[in-house]
Amino acid sequence: MGTLANESFSIELQQLDAATDTARNQRTQWLLTSPNPPSFFHQLINSVKKNVDKTTKQSTNGVFFSFLKGLFPILSWGRNYKCTMFKHDIMAGLTLASLCIPQSIGYANLAKLDPQYGLYASVVPPLIYAVMGSSREIAIGPVAVVSLLISALISKIIDPAVDPIAYRNLVFTATFFTGAFQAVFGLFRLGFLVDFLSHPAIVGFMGGAAIVIGLQQLKGLLGINHFTTKTDVVSVLEAVYKSLHNEPWFPLNFVLGFSFLFFILMTRFIGKRNKKLFWLPAMAPLLSVVLSTLIVYLTKADQHGVNIVKHFKGGINPSSIHQLQFNSPHIGEIAKIGLICAIVALTEAIAVGRSFASIRGYHLDGNKEMVAIGCMNLVGSLTSCYTATGSFSRTAVNYSAGCETVVSNIVMAITVLISLELLTKLLYYTPLAILASIIISALPGLIDISEAFHIWKVDKTDFIICIAAFLGVLFGSVEIGLIIAVGISFGKIILGTIRPSVELQGRLPGTDTFCDITQFPVATETQGVLIIRVNNASLCFANANFIRGRILSIVTNRSEEQSKGKLRILVLDMSSVMSIDTSGIVALEELNRELVSQGIQLAIANPRLEVMNKLKVAKFVDELGNRWIFLSVGDAVDACLNAKMGDLSTINC
C-alpha cells in the first residue's frame, strides 16, 4: 500500500508540474504574441481624428464659444459671480493696492526706470490677466527678481545713467520678447522648459538674488549718488566703501530708511502673531511712504542731503508701440534676455499659483497660465509696462484679505490708475531711502534657509545645485547663477542616464516577490541563478555599454564566489526599461554571446511592449530562444528550478 501511495503522489506531482509548466508557457506566449505598438504616425493620425471628431460633434457656434471659454476663463466663472463675492474682492483689492503702490515704485527704481513705470505694470497686466488667467488668488505686478534681471542684463548693453530713453526702449522690447516666449510656451505646451529650473536651483537662485537686491538698495538707504552697475557682492561692497570714503555722506538717509524698515518689519511680526491684523503689514509700506513724504516736506530734509523721487509723471499708460526696437543691433541679446525673464517669471508665477490653488482645492492648468501671462506681457510692452508676473508676497496678502476671484486684481488696477491720475504729484518728496527699505523688507520671504537645510538632508546632489546657484548669483552675476544651476541640473540628469544603477534581486522568504537584496537583506538568492534588474527607463546608446559592463562585472565577481555554487543562468529583469534602441539591442547581443562563452544562459523577464517588439524585429528573440523569454522574474526562476541543471534545454515552450 505504501508503494502505491508513493507512486500516486509522484504522479500527482508530475501532473502539477506539467500544469504549472503549461500555465507558464501560456504566459510566455501572451508575451511573445503581444500586438505591435502603434507607430508615431499612427498616434498622430489618431490624435487628429479625435480632435476632428470632437469638433464635428459640436456646432460652429459651440466650437467658437468653447474656444472663447478656454481662452477667457472669466466667461465661465463670471456668470456665477455674486455680490457677496464682490464685497470680499473689493476689500482684498484695496488692501492689495496699498501694498502694490509703494512696492511697484520701489521695483521700478530697482529696474532703473522712472517710478511711474512700476505703477504702469500694476495696471494693464493685472487687467489682462483677470480675463485670461485661471488663478483666483494670484496678484500680478512687478517683482524684485525680474526687476533685478532686467537692470542687471540690459545695463550691460546700455547704461541707463548715460541714455535712459534708449535703456527704457530696450526694456519694453525685452518685455515684448518675454511675453512672446511665454505665450508660445503655453500654445505649444512647452511647459516642461520651465522645469529645467529645478526646485533646489530656484531656492538657491532666489536666496542669492535676494541678497544681491538687498545690497543694491544700499545706494538708496545710504544716499549714495555714484554706484556700480555690477551685481556681484564684491563689486557692490567695493562701490559702497569707495562712496562712503570719497564722497560726502548724509546719515539722514540711513536714519529715515532704517527707522521705517524697522517699522515695516515690526508690523509684519505683529501680523504673523495675530492673523486678524493681516491688514497691518499690508498697509505698512503705504503708510511709510505717506509719513516719510510728509516728514521730508515739512522739515525740508531734501535740502539737507535726503534724496527724493522728484519728477513723477502721472496719467494713464501711454502707448509704447513705436518705442520697441526691433531694428536694434542688440536685438539678439534682447531676445536672450527676454527668454531668461520669461522662464524666471513663469517659474515664480506658476509656483505661486499652484501653491494657493492646492490650498483652495482646484487645479491650475500651467499651459493656460503661460498663455495668459504671455499675453499680458505682450500687451504690457505696448503700453509702457515692463515684465510683470505673480508676486508671492502680494498673493499671500490677497489670500489673507479674503479674495474670492481675480476681480481683486481689477480693483487693485483701478486703484493704482486713480493714484496715477490724482496722487503722483504728492509723491514728489518721497525719499528714496523709503523705497529701498520697502524692497529690503520684502526680501526675507525670498531666502528660505529651512528649505535649504531640508534639501541638504534629503539629497546632497540637490544641495550642491542649490549652493551653486546661490554662490553663482552672489559672486558672479544673475545669468551666471542661472547657467550654473541649469548646467548642474542637466549634468545630474545626464549622469543618471549614462550611468544607471543595476541591482541584484532575491526572493523574500515565504513570498513570490523579488526585490533588491541591498534594500532587503532577508531576500535570498537562488543557487545557480543570478537575477539582475536594470534601473533605467531607457536602454540606449548613452548607457548600453555601461550597463553591459556592469552586468559582466557582477557575473565575474559572482563566478569567483564558489560558495554560492556555479552560476548557470542570468535572469535580466527588464520591467523598468520602457524603450530600447539599436545600440541597446547590440549590447544585449554582445552580452548574450559573452555569457554563452562562459557557459551561462541569459533569460529575459518582463520586457515591455515597445522593447519586446524591437527585440522580435531585431531577431534577438530568435537568437536567444523563445524558451528564455518570461513574463515575470518568478516564472523565470521557477522554470530554472524545475529544469535539470545539467541540461538547460529541458526548459521548453
Foldseek 3Di string as FASTA:
>chain_A
DVVVVVVVVVVVVVVVVVVVLVVQVVQLVCLLPPDADDDPVRVVVVVVVVVVVVVVVDDPVVVVVVVLCLQFVCVVCVVVDDPVQVVLLLLLLVLLLLQQLLQLQLLCVLLVHASVQQLQQLFQLLVLCQGGFDFFQFRKGDDNLLSNLNLLQLCVVPPCVVPVLLSLLLLLQLLLLLLVVLQVCLVVVVVVVLCLCPPLLQQLQLQLSLVLLLLVLCCQQFVFDDADSARAQVRSVVRVVCRPVPHDTQCVSNVLLVVLLVVLLVQVVVCVVPVVSLSRNSNSLSVSQLVQLVVCVVVVCVVVRFAASADDAFAHQAFCVVSHCCVDPCNVSSSVSSVVSNSVQLSVQVVLSQVVCVVVPHDGDSSSNSSSQSVSSNVSSRRSHGRMHTDNVSSVSSVSSPNDGSVSSNSSSVVSNVCRVPPRVSRNSRTSSSSSSSSSSPSVVSNDVVVLVVCVVPPVLSNVLNNQLNNCCHRPNSVSSVCSSSVSSVVVVLCCAQQPDKAWWAAQPPDLDIDGCVVPVNGDHDQQETEMETQDQECEPSHQVVVLVVVVVVLVVVCVPPVSPHHAEYEYEDQNHNEYDPSNLVSVVVSQVVCVVVNHAYAYEQHDSRRSVVCVVVCVCVVNDSLRYGDHPSSNVVLCVPDDSVDSVVRDD
